Amino acid sequence: MRSSNPVLREETFAPADWAGISTELAPRRAGVMTMTGTVAKTGFLLLLCIAAALGSAHAVAKLTFNPNILVLGGCLGGFVLALIISFKPMTAPFLSPLYALLQGAFLGAISFLVAGKNPAGGAMVMQAVALTFGIFVALLVGYGLGLIRLGGTAMKIVMVGTLGVALTYLASFLFGMFGLNIMGALHGSGAVGIGFSIVVIILASLNLVLDFQFIEGGVKSGAPKHMEWYAGFGLLVTLVWLYLEILRLLSKLNRR
């Protein structure tokens, strides 16, 4: 099973990475990955992220911190930690909580900035939060009931689409550095921009389904205990992306 989430790779759960422990023996070992443990650690990381976001927004509102510092620091710090955790999954139990705090600080500050630019900004942020968790819970329940699964072809489409979105954002960033607004329509509030945001939100949501499938595979094959933290970190990465895309879409709709 393969996920388009770059931090939840098939190789990460491969038995070859578990000091030679075979798939048959791994489930019998003490300290292996369980669904209960994964859910608990994912919930803990989400609570850390939410708490940091609330604290960040409060600090910005009280002028305690410069929001640009929180946005830049949280974004860059989270990116560095994500790279470390992705290449060294054994660091997940120690670094994923710090990643959650940094992403929370980033989300809180950027949400406050977005809210301040629109009269209905506060409601818009709350709507983005509600929609993010609504989609997450709906997909999780649907997956648990066996209603949602992605086959091989669908997985490939999601993976290619996710890569395409990443390359599009990278190209847009690079063009912007040179003052070129070639992809301005994608970020605008017109039909193209709104349609693009909807497609990206669908892709992010489907990535959650792939993450669920991938985590289930890790549990069944008896991955090491630290992979519970790694799985929670991977889900948080997707949820942060989903929230930002929903907030982006709502911002476009409010500009119409």
C-alpha atoms as a PDB file:
ATOM      1  CA  MET A   1       0.000   0.000   0.000  1.00  0.00           C
ATOM      2  CA  ARG A   2       1.389   3.371  -0.984  1.00  0.00           C
ATOM      3  CA  SER A   3       0.342   6.845   0.145  1.00  0.00           C
ATOM      4  CA  SER A   4       0.849  10.117  -1.693  1.00  0.00           C
ATOM      5  CA  ASN A   5       1.605  11.717   1.659  1.00  0.00           C
ATOM      6  CA  PRO A   6       5.401  12.104   1.424  1.00  0.00           C
ATOM      7  CA  VAL A   7       5.910  11.266   5.097  1.00  0.00           C
ATOM      8  CA  LEU A   8       3.868   8.044   4.951  1.00  0.00           C
ATOM      9  CA  ARG A   9       5.899   6.019   2.499  1.00  0.00           C
ATOM     10  CA  GLU A  10       5.676   2.283   1.971  1.00  0.00           C
ATOM     11  CA  GLU A  11       9.364   1.900   2.759  1.00  0.00           C
ATOM     12  CA  THR A  12       8.845   3.380   6.228  1.00  0.00           C
ATOM     13  CA  PHE A  13       6.725   0.429   7.300  1.00  0.00           C
ATOM     14  CA  ALA A  14       8.809  -2.163   5.461  1.00  0.00           C
ATOM     15  CA  PRO A  15       9.985  -4.998   7.741  1.00  0.00           C
ATOM     16  CA  ALA A  16      13.509  -4.539   6.390  1.00  0.00           C
ATOM     17  CA  ASP A  17      13.696  -1.318   8.375  1.00  0.00           C
ATOM     18  CA  TRP A  18      12.880  -3.048  11.648  1.00  0.00           C
ATOM     19  CA  ALA A  19      16.300  -4.476  12.435  1.00  0.00           C
ATOM     20  CA  GLY A  20      15.602  -7.672  10.532  1.00  0.00           C
ATOM     21  CA  ILE A  21      12.332  -8.561  12.254  1.00  0.00           C
ATOM     22  CA  SER A  22      10.094 -10.490   9.847  1.00  0.00           C
ATOM     23  CA  THR A  23       6.451  -9.591   9.208  1.00  0.00           C
ATOM     24  CA  GLU A  24       5.371 -12.917  10.747  1.00  0.00           C
ATOM     25  CA  LEU A  25       7.234 -12.313  13.984  1.00  0.00           C
ATOM     26  CA  ALA A  26       6.636  -8.571  14.325  1.00  0.00           C
ATOM     27  CA  PRO A  27       2.993  -8.750  15.531  1.00  0.00           C
ATOM     28  CA  ARG A  28       4.051 -11.067  18.399  1.00  0.00           C
ATOM     29  CA  ARG A  29       6.711  -8.700  19.721  1.00  0.00           C
ATOM     30  CA  ALA A  30       6.080  -6.416  22.617  1.00  0.00           C
ATOM     31  CA  GLY A  31       5.935  -2.765  21.673  1.00  0.00           C
ATOM     32  CA  VAL A  32       4.434  -2.932  18.202  1.00  0.00           C
ATOM     33  CA  MET A  33       2.178  -0.421  16.485  1.00  0.00           C
ATOM     34  CA  THR A  34      -1.528  -0.643  17.410  1.00  0.00           C
ATOM     35  CA  MET A  35      -4.577   1.234  16.182  1.00  0.00           C
ATOM     36  CA  THR A  36      -5.453   2.334  19.720  1.00  0.00           C
ATOM     37  CA  GLY A  37      -1.980   3.734  20.280  1.00  0.00           C
ATOM     38  CA  THR A  38      -2.011   5.489  16.918  1.00  0.00           C
ATOM     39  CA  VAL A  39      -5.382   7.112  17.648  1.00  0.00           C
ATOM     40  CA  ALA A  40      -4.204   8.257  21.085  1.00  0.00           C
ATOM     41  CA  LYS A  41      -0.995   9.795  19.791  1.00  0.00           C
ATOM     42  CA  THR A  42      -2.739  11.431  16.843  1.00  0.00           C
ATOM     43  CA  GLY A  43      -5.262  12.959  19.249  1.00  0.00           C
ATOM     44  CA  PHE A  44      -2.453  14.216  21.464  1.00  0.00           C
ATOM     45  CA  LEU A  45      -0.685  15.865  18.532  1.00  0.00           C
ATOM     46  CA  LEU A  46      -3.949  17.491  17.413  1.00  0.00           C
ATOM     47  CA  LEU A  47      -4.547  18.865  20.907  1.00  0.00           C
ATOM     48  CA  LEU A  48      -1.021  20.298  20.986  1.00  0.00           C
ATOM     49  CA  CYS A  49      -1.536  21.899  17.586  1.00  0.00           C
ATOM     50  CA  ILE A  50      -4.896  23.405  18.580  1.00  0.00           C
ATOM     51  CA  ALA A  51      -3.544  24.711  21.878  1.00  0.00           C
ATOM     52  CA  ALA A  52      -0.567  26.300  20.131  1.00  0.00           C
ATOM     53  CA  ALA A  53      -2.855  27.838  17.504  1.00  0.00           C
ATOM     54  CA  LEU A  54      -5.085  29.389  20.158  1.00  0.00           C
ATOM     55  CA  GLY A  55      -2.072  30.672  22.069  1.00  0.00           C
ATOM     56  CA  SER A  56      -0.518  32.078  18.910  1.00  0.00           C
ATOM     57  CA  ALA A  57      -3.716  33.872  17.882  1.00  0.00           C
ATOM     58  CA  HIS A  58      -4.098  35.288  21.384  1.00  0.00           C
ATOM     59  CA  ALA A  59      -0.493  36.497  21.427  1.00  0.00           C
ATOM     60  CA  VAL A  60      -0.927  38.212  18.059  1.00  0.00           C
ATOM     61  CA  ALA A  61      -4.198  39.814  19.187  1.00  0.00           C
ATOM     62  CA  LYS A  62      -2.523  41.185  22.307  1.00  0.00           C
ATOM     63  CA  LEU A  63       0.425  42.416  20.204  1.00  0.00           C
ATOM     64  CA  THR A  64       2.758  40.187  22.235  1.00  0.00           C
ATOM     65  CA  PHE A  65       4.321  38.702  19.100  1.00  0.00           C
ATOM     66  CA  ASN A  66       4.806  39.893  15.569  1.00  0.00           C
ATOM     67  CA  PRO A  67       2.536  37.630  13.489  1.00  0.00           C
ATOM     68  CA  ASN A  68       5.054  37.533  10.645  1.00  0.00           C
ATOM     69  CA  ILE A  69       7.641  36.035  12.989  1.00  0.00           C
ATOM     70  CA  LEU A  70       5.213  33.333  14.106  1.00  0.00           C
ATOM     71  CA  VAL A  71       4.186  32.580  10.525  1.00  0.00           C
ATOM     72  CA  LEU A  72       7.751  32.429   9.212  1.00  0.00           C
ATOM     73  CA  GLY A  73       9.184  30.661  12.252  1.00  0.00           C
ATOM     74  CA  GLY A  74       6.386  28.120  12.454  1.00  0.00           C
ATOM     75  CA  CYS A  75       6.458  27.429   8.732  1.00  0.00           C
ATOM     76  CA  LEU A  76      10.228  27.074   8.368  1.00  0.00           C
ATOM     77  CA  GLY A  77      10.695  25.309  11.702  1.00  0.00           C
ATOM     78  CA  GLY A  78       7.910  22.877  10.891  1.00  0.00           C
ATOM     79  CA  PHE A  79       9.378  22.231   7.442  1.00  0.00           C
ATOM     80  CA  VAL A  80      12.806  21.405   8.895  1.00  0.00           C
ATOM     81  CA  LEU A  81      11.325  19.091  11.529  1.00  0.00           C
ATOM     82  CA  ALA A  82       9.141  17.413   8.910  1.00  0.00           C
ATOM     83  CA  LEU A  83      12.219  16.618   6.831  1.00  0.00           C
ATOM     84  CA  ILE A  84      14.054  15.176   9.833  1.00  0.00           C
ATOM     85  CA  ILE A  85      11.096  13.051  10.931  1.00  0.00           C
ATOM     86  CA  SER A  86      10.446  11.857   7.382  1.00  0.00           C
ATOM     87  CA  PHE A  87      13.993  10.592   6.919  1.00  0.00           C
ATOM     88  CA  LYS A  88      14.421   9.437  10.551  1.00  0.00           C
ATOM     89  CA  PRO A  89      11.067   8.019  11.714  1.00  0.00           C
ATOM     90  CA  MET A  90      12.587   6.947  15.051  1.00  0.00           C
ATOM     91  CA  THR A  91      12.764  10.642  15.996  1.00  0.00           C
ATOM     92  CA  ALA A  92       8.967  10.952  15.702  1.00  0.00           C
ATOM     93  CA  PRO A  93       8.228  10.379  19.426  1.00  0.00           C
ATOM     94  CA  PHE A  94      10.481  13.326  20.312  1.00  0.00           C
ATOM     95  CA  LEU A  95      10.078  15.702  17.377  1.00  0.00           C
ATOM     96  CA  SER A  96       6.433  15.260  16.332  1.00  0.00           C
ATOM     97  CA  PRO A  97       5.092  17.083  19.445  1.00  0.00           C
ATOM     98  CA  LEU A  98       7.429  19.984  18.676  1.00  0.00           C
ATOM     99  CA  TYR A  99       6.262  19.896  15.059  1.00  0.00           C
ATOM    100  CA  ALA A 100       2.644  20.075  16.241  1.00  0.00           C
ATOM    101  CA  LEU A 101       3.446  23.122  18.390  1.00  0.00           C
ATOM    102  CA  LEU A 102       5.232  24.913  15.555  1.00  0.00           C
ATOM    103  CA  GLN A 103       2.433  24.189  13.101  1.00  0.00           C
ATOM    104  CA  GLY A 104      -0.082  25.389  15.656  1.00  0.00           C
ATOM    105  CA  ALA A 105       1.809  28.650  16.082  1.00  0.00           C
ATOM    106  CA  PHE A 106       1.900  29.044  12.310  1.00  0.00           C
ATOM    107  CA  LEU A 107      -1.800  28.264  11.841  1.00  0.00           C
ATOM    108  CA  GLY A 108      -2.890  30.525  14.685  1.00  0.00           C
ATOM    109  CA  ALA A 109      -0.957  33.502  13.355  1.00  0.00           C
ATOM    110  CA  ILE A 110      -1.941  33.077   9.717  1.00  0.00           C
ATOM    111  CA  SER A 111      -5.576  32.500  10.658  1.00  0.00           C
ATOM    112  CA  PHE A 112      -5.557  35.721  12.667  1.00  0.00           C
ATOM    113  CA  LEU A 113      -4.060  37.613   9.739  1.00  0.00           C
ATOM    114  CA  VAL A 114      -6.651  36.203   7.335  1.00  0.00           C
ATOM    115  CA  ALA A 115      -9.470  37.023   9.750  1.00  0.00           C
ATOM    116  CA  GLY A 116      -8.244  40.598  10.077  1.00  0.00           C
ATOM    117  CA  LYS A 117      -8.431  41.201   6.338  1.00  0.00           C
ATOM    118  CA  ASN A 118     -12.146  40.478   6.058  1.00  0.00           C
ATOM    119  CA  PRO A 119     -15.167  41.736   8.053  1.00  0.00           C
ATOM    120  CA  ALA A 120     -16.398  38.162   8.298  1.00  0.00           C
ATOM    121  CA  GLY A 121     -12.889  36.809   8.870  1.00  0.00           C
ATOM    122  CA  GLY A 122     -13.549  35.371  12.323  1.00  0.00           C
ATOM    123  CA  ALA A 123     -16.536  33.373  11.110  1.00  0.00           C
ATOM    124  CA  MET A 124     -14.548  32.284   8.076  1.00  0.00           C
ATOM    125  CA  VAL A 125     -11.781  30.809  10.244  1.00  0.00           C
ATOM    126  CA  MET A 126     -14.309  28.976  12.402  1.00  0.00           C
ATOM    127  CA  GLN A 127     -15.963  27.609   9.256  1.00  0.00           C
ATOM    128  CA  ALA A 128     -12.591  26.376   7.991  1.00  0.00           C
ATOM    129  CA  VAL A 129     -11.904  24.624  11.302  1.00  0.00           C
ATOM    130  CA  ALA A 130     -15.364  23.043  11.350  1.00  0.00           C
ATOM    131  CA  LEU A 131     -15.121  21.882   7.744  1.00  0.00           C
ATOM    132  CA  THR A 132     -11.648  20.417   8.277  1.00  0.00           C
ATOM    133  CA  PHE A 133     -12.663  18.324  11.254  1.00  0.00           C
ATOM    134  CA  GLY A 134     -16.026  17.539   9.669  1.00  0.00           C
ATOM    135  CA  ILE A 135     -14.329  16.079   6.603  1.00  0.00           C
ATOM    136  CA  PHE A 136     -11.824  14.217   8.780  1.00  0.00           C
ATOM    137  CA  VAL A 137     -14.492  12.649  11.001  1.00  0.00           C
ATOM    138  CA  ALA A 138     -16.773  11.811   8.059  1.00  0.00           C
ATOM    139  CA  LEU A 139     -13.962  10.086   6.174  1.00  0.00           C
ATOM    140  CA  LEU A 140     -12.787   8.281   9.305  1.00  0.00           C
ATOM    141  CA  VAL A 141     -16.282   6.970  10.048  1.00  0.00           C
ATOM    142  CA  GLY A 142     -16.810   5.996   6.414  1.00  0.00           C
ATOM    143  CA  TYR A 143     -13.470   4.213   6.389  1.00  0.00           C
ATOM    144  CA  GLY A 144     -14.205   2.438   9.656  1.00  0.00           C
ATOM    145  CA  LEU A 145     -17.509   1.190   8.239  1.00  0.00           C
ATOM    146  CA  GLY A 146     -15.774  -0.046   5.112  1.00  0.00           C
ATOM    147  CA  LEU A 147     -17.580   2.416   2.862  1.00  0.00           C
ATOM    148  CA  ILE A 148     -14.479   4.191   1.606  1.00  0.00           C
ATOM    149  CA  ARG A 149     -11.480   2.500   0.023  1.00  0.00           C
ATOM    150  CA  LEU A 150      -9.209   3.527  -2.818  1.00  0.00           C
ATOM    151  CA  GLY A 151      -8.034   0.930  -5.315  1.00  0.00           C
ATOM    152  CA  GLY A 152      -4.797   0.907  -7.249  1.00  0.00           C
ATOM    153  CA  THR A 153      -5.955   3.156 -10.096  1.00  0.00           C
ATOM    154  CA  ALA A 154      -7.541   5.703  -7.758  1.00  0.00           C
ATOM    155  CA  MET A 155      -4.386   5.754  -5.638  1.00  0.00           C
ATOM    156  CA  LYS A 156      -2.238   6.510  -8.665  1.00  0.00           C
ATOM    157  CA  ILE A 157      -4.563   9.337  -9.716  1.00  0.00           C
ATOM    158  CA  VAL A 158      -4.410  10.882  -6.234  1.00  0.00           C
ATOM    159  CA  MET A 159      -0.636  10.562  -6.128  1.00  0.00           C
ATOM    160  CA  VAL A 160      -0.169  12.170  -9.538  1.00  0.00           C
ATOM    161  CA  GLY A 161      -2.664  14.906  -8.692  1.00  0.00           C
ATOM    162  CA  THR A 162      -0.928  15.657  -5.395  1.00  0.00           C
ATOM    163  CA  LEU A 163       2.434  15.874  -7.124  1.00  0.00           C
ATOM    164  CA  GLY A 164       0.918  18.172  -9.741  1.00  0.00           C
ATOM    165  CA  VAL A 165      -0.456  20.509  -7.072  1.00  0.00           C
ATOM    166  CA  ALA A 166       2.911  20.589  -5.305  1.00  0.00           C
ATOM    167  CA  LEU A 167       4.710  21.456  -8.543  1.00  0.00           C
ATOM    168  CA  THR A 168       2.099  24.116  -9.345  1.00  0.00           C
ATOM    169  CA  TYR A 169       2.583  25.813  -5.988  1.00  0.00           C
ATOM    170  CA  LEU A 170       6.358  25.593  -6.365  1.00  0.00           C
ATOM    171  CA  ALA A 171       6.230  27.156  -9.823  1.00  0.00           C
ATOM    172  CA  SER A 172       3.902  29.889  -8.571  1.00  0.00           C
ATOM    173  CA  PHE A 173       6.310  30.664  -5.737  1.00  0.00           C
ATOM    174  CA  LEU A 174       9.320  30.806  -8.048  1.00  0.00           C
ATOM    175  CA  PHE A 175       7.515  33.039 -10.565  1.00  0.00           C
ATOM    176  CA  GLY A 176       6.422  35.301  -7.717  1.00  0.00           C
ATOM    177  CA  MET A 177      10.022  35.782  -6.637  1.00  0.00           C
ATOM    178  CA  PHE A 178      10.678  37.378 -10.020  1.00  0.00           C
ATOM    179  CA  GLY A 179       7.531  39.477  -9.934  1.00  0.00           C
ATOM    180  CA  LEU A 180       5.692  37.300 -12.455  1.00  0.00           C
ATOM    181  CA  ASN A 181       1.996  36.665 -11.887  1.00  0.00           C
ATOM    182  CA  ILE A 182       1.614  33.951 -14.494  1.00  0.00           C
ATOM    183  CA  MET A 183      -0.597  31.772 -12.295  1.00  0.00           C
ATOM    184  CA  GLY A 184      -2.610  34.584 -10.793  1.00  0.00           C
ATOM    185  CA  ALA A 185      -5.891  33.067 -11.996  1.00  0.00           C
ATOM    186  CA  LEU A 186      -5.357  30.040  -9.757  1.00  0.00           C
ATOM    187  CA  HIS A 187      -5.124  32.259  -6.690  1.00  0.00           C
ATOM    188  CA  GLY A 188      -7.890  34.632  -7.714  1.00  0.00           C
ATOM    189  CA  SER A 189     -11.569  34.607  -6.766  1.00  0.00           C
ATOM    190  CA  GLY A 190     -12.773  33.805 -10.289  1.00  0.00           C
ATOM    191  CA  ALA A 191     -14.173  30.525 -11.525  1.00  0.00           C
ATOM    192  CA  VAL A 192     -10.690  29.148 -12.271  1.00  0.00           C
ATOM    193  CA  GLY A 193      -9.333  29.956  -8.830  1.00  0.00           C
ATOM    194  CA  ILE A 194     -12.353  28.565  -7.000  1.00  0.00           C
ATOM    195  CA  GLY A 195     -12.403  25.452  -9.162  1.00  0.00           C
ATOM    196  CA  PHE A 196      -8.702  24.884  -8.497  1.00  0.00           C
ATOM    197  CA  SER A 197      -9.216  25.190  -4.734  1.00  0.00           C
ATOM    198  CA  ILE A 198     -12.081  22.688  -4.812  1.00  0.00           C
ATOM    199  CA  VAL A 199      -9.934  20.187  -6.700  1.00  0.00           C
ATOM    200  CA  VAL A 200      -7.082  20.613  -4.202  1.00  0.00           C
ATOM    201  CA  ILE A 201      -9.444  20.142  -1.244  1.00  0.00           C
ATOM    202  CA  ILE A 202     -10.734  16.921  -2.820  1.00  0.00           C
ATOM    203  CA  LEU A 203      -7.147  15.726  -3.283  1.00  0.00           C
ATOM    204  CA  ALA A 204      -6.260  16.560   0.325  1.00  0.00           C
ATOM    205  CA  SER A 205      -9.345  14.676   1.524  1.00  0.00           C
ATOM    206  CA  LEU A 206      -8.460  11.633  -0.563  1.00  0.00           C
ATOM    207  CA  ASN A 207      -4.967  11.762   0.907  1.00  0.00           C
ATOM    208  CA  LEU A 208      -6.571  11.268   4.314  1.00  0.00           C
ATOM    209  CA  VAL A 209      -8.180   8.071   3.028  1.00  0.00           C
ATOM    210  CA  LEU A 210      -4.819   6.879   1.740  1.00  0.00           C
ATOM    211  CA  ASP A 211      -3.289   7.698   5.117  1.00  0.00           C
ATOM    212  CA  PHE A 212      -5.962   5.596   6.856  1.00  0.00           C
ATOM    213  CA  GLN A 213      -5.263   2.671   4.536  1.00  0.00           C
ATOM    214  CA  PHE A 214      -1.552   3.034   5.018  1.00  0.00           C
ATOM    215  CA  ILE A 215      -1.804   3.147   8.815  1.00  0.00           C
ATOM    216  CA  GLU A 216      -4.051   0.091   8.815  1.00  0.00           C
ATOM    217  CA  GLY A 217      -1.409  -1.719   6.796  1.00  0.00           C
ATOM    218  CA  GLY A 218       1.280  -0.725   9.283  1.00  0.00           C
ATOM    219  CA  VAL A 219      -0.788  -2.013  12.205  1.00  0.00           C
ATOM    220  CA  LYS A 220      -1.535  -5.322  10.476  1.00  0.00           C
ATOM    221  CA  SER A 221       2.125  -5.915   9.661  1.00  0.00           C
ATOM    222  CA  GLY A 222       3.252  -5.116  13.206  1.00  0.00           C
ATOM    223  CA  ALA A 223       5.315  -1.974  12.699  1.00  0.00           C
ATOM    224  CA  PRO A 224       7.459  -0.773  15.631  1.00  0.00           C
ATOM    225  CA  LYS A 225       5.834   1.240  18.420  1.00  0.00           C
ATOM    226  CA  HIS A 226       7.427   4.539  17.411  1.00  0.00           C
ATOM    227  CA  MET A 227       5.496   4.362  14.149  1.00  0.00           C
ATOM    228  CA  GLU A 228       2.362   5.335  16.092  1.00  0.00           C
ATOM    229  CA  TRP A 229       3.900   8.779  16.559  1.00  0.00           C
ATOM    230  CA  TYR A 230       5.045   8.814  12.949  1.00  0.00           C
ATOM    231  CA  ALA A 231       1.553   7.954  11.714  1.00  0.00           C
ATOM    232  CA  GLY A 232       0.050  10.711  13.866  1.00  0.00           C
ATOM    233  CA  PHE A 233       2.589  13.130  12.454  1.00  0.00           C
ATOM    234  CA  GLY A 234       1.682  12.098   8.907  1.00  0.00           C
ATOM    235  CA  LEU A 235      -2.025  12.632   9.534  1.00  0.00           C
ATOM    236  CA  LEU A 236      -1.306  16.047  11.037  1.00  0.00           C
ATOM    237  CA  VAL A 237       0.611  17.028   7.899  1.00  0.00           C
ATOM    238  CA  THR A 238      -2.428  16.198   5.756  1.00  0.00           C
ATOM    239  CA  LEU A 239      -4.876  17.924   8.114  1.00  0.00           C
ATOM    240  CA  VAL A 240      -2.827  21.128   8.134  1.00  0.00           C
ATOM    241  CA  TRP A 241      -2.804  21.083   4.334  1.00  0.00           C
ATOM    242  CA  LEU A 242      -6.562  20.473   4.216  1.00  0.00           C
ATOM    243  CA  TYR A 243      -7.281  23.327   6.635  1.00  0.00           C
ATOM    244  CA  LEU A 244      -5.134  25.790   4.700  1.00  0.00           C
ATOM    245  CA  GLU A 245      -6.806  24.870   1.419  1.00  0.00           C
ATOM    246  CA  ILE A 246     -10.295  25.243   2.909  1.00  0.00           C
ATOM    247  CA  LEU A 247      -9.325  28.616   4.389  1.00  0.00           C
ATOM    248  CA  ARG A 248      -7.948  29.641   1.003  1.00  0.00           C
ATOM    249  CA  LEU A 249     -11.212  28.668  -0.718  1.00  0.00           C
ATOM    250  CA  LEU A 250     -13.340  30.556   1.819  1.00  0.00           C
ATOM    251  CA  SER A 251     -11.127  33.623   1.381  1.00  0.00           C
ATOM    252  CA  LYS A 252     -11.701  33.491  -2.372  1.00  0.00           C
ATOM    253  CA  LEU A 253     -15.458  33.158  -1.922  1.00  0.00           C
ATOM    254  CA  ASN A 254     -15.529  36.128   0.466  1.00  0.00           C
ATOM    255  CA  ARG A 255     -13.735  38.277  -2.101  1.00  0.00           C
ATOM    256  CA  ARG A 256     -16.418  37.732  -4.741  1.00  0.00           C
END
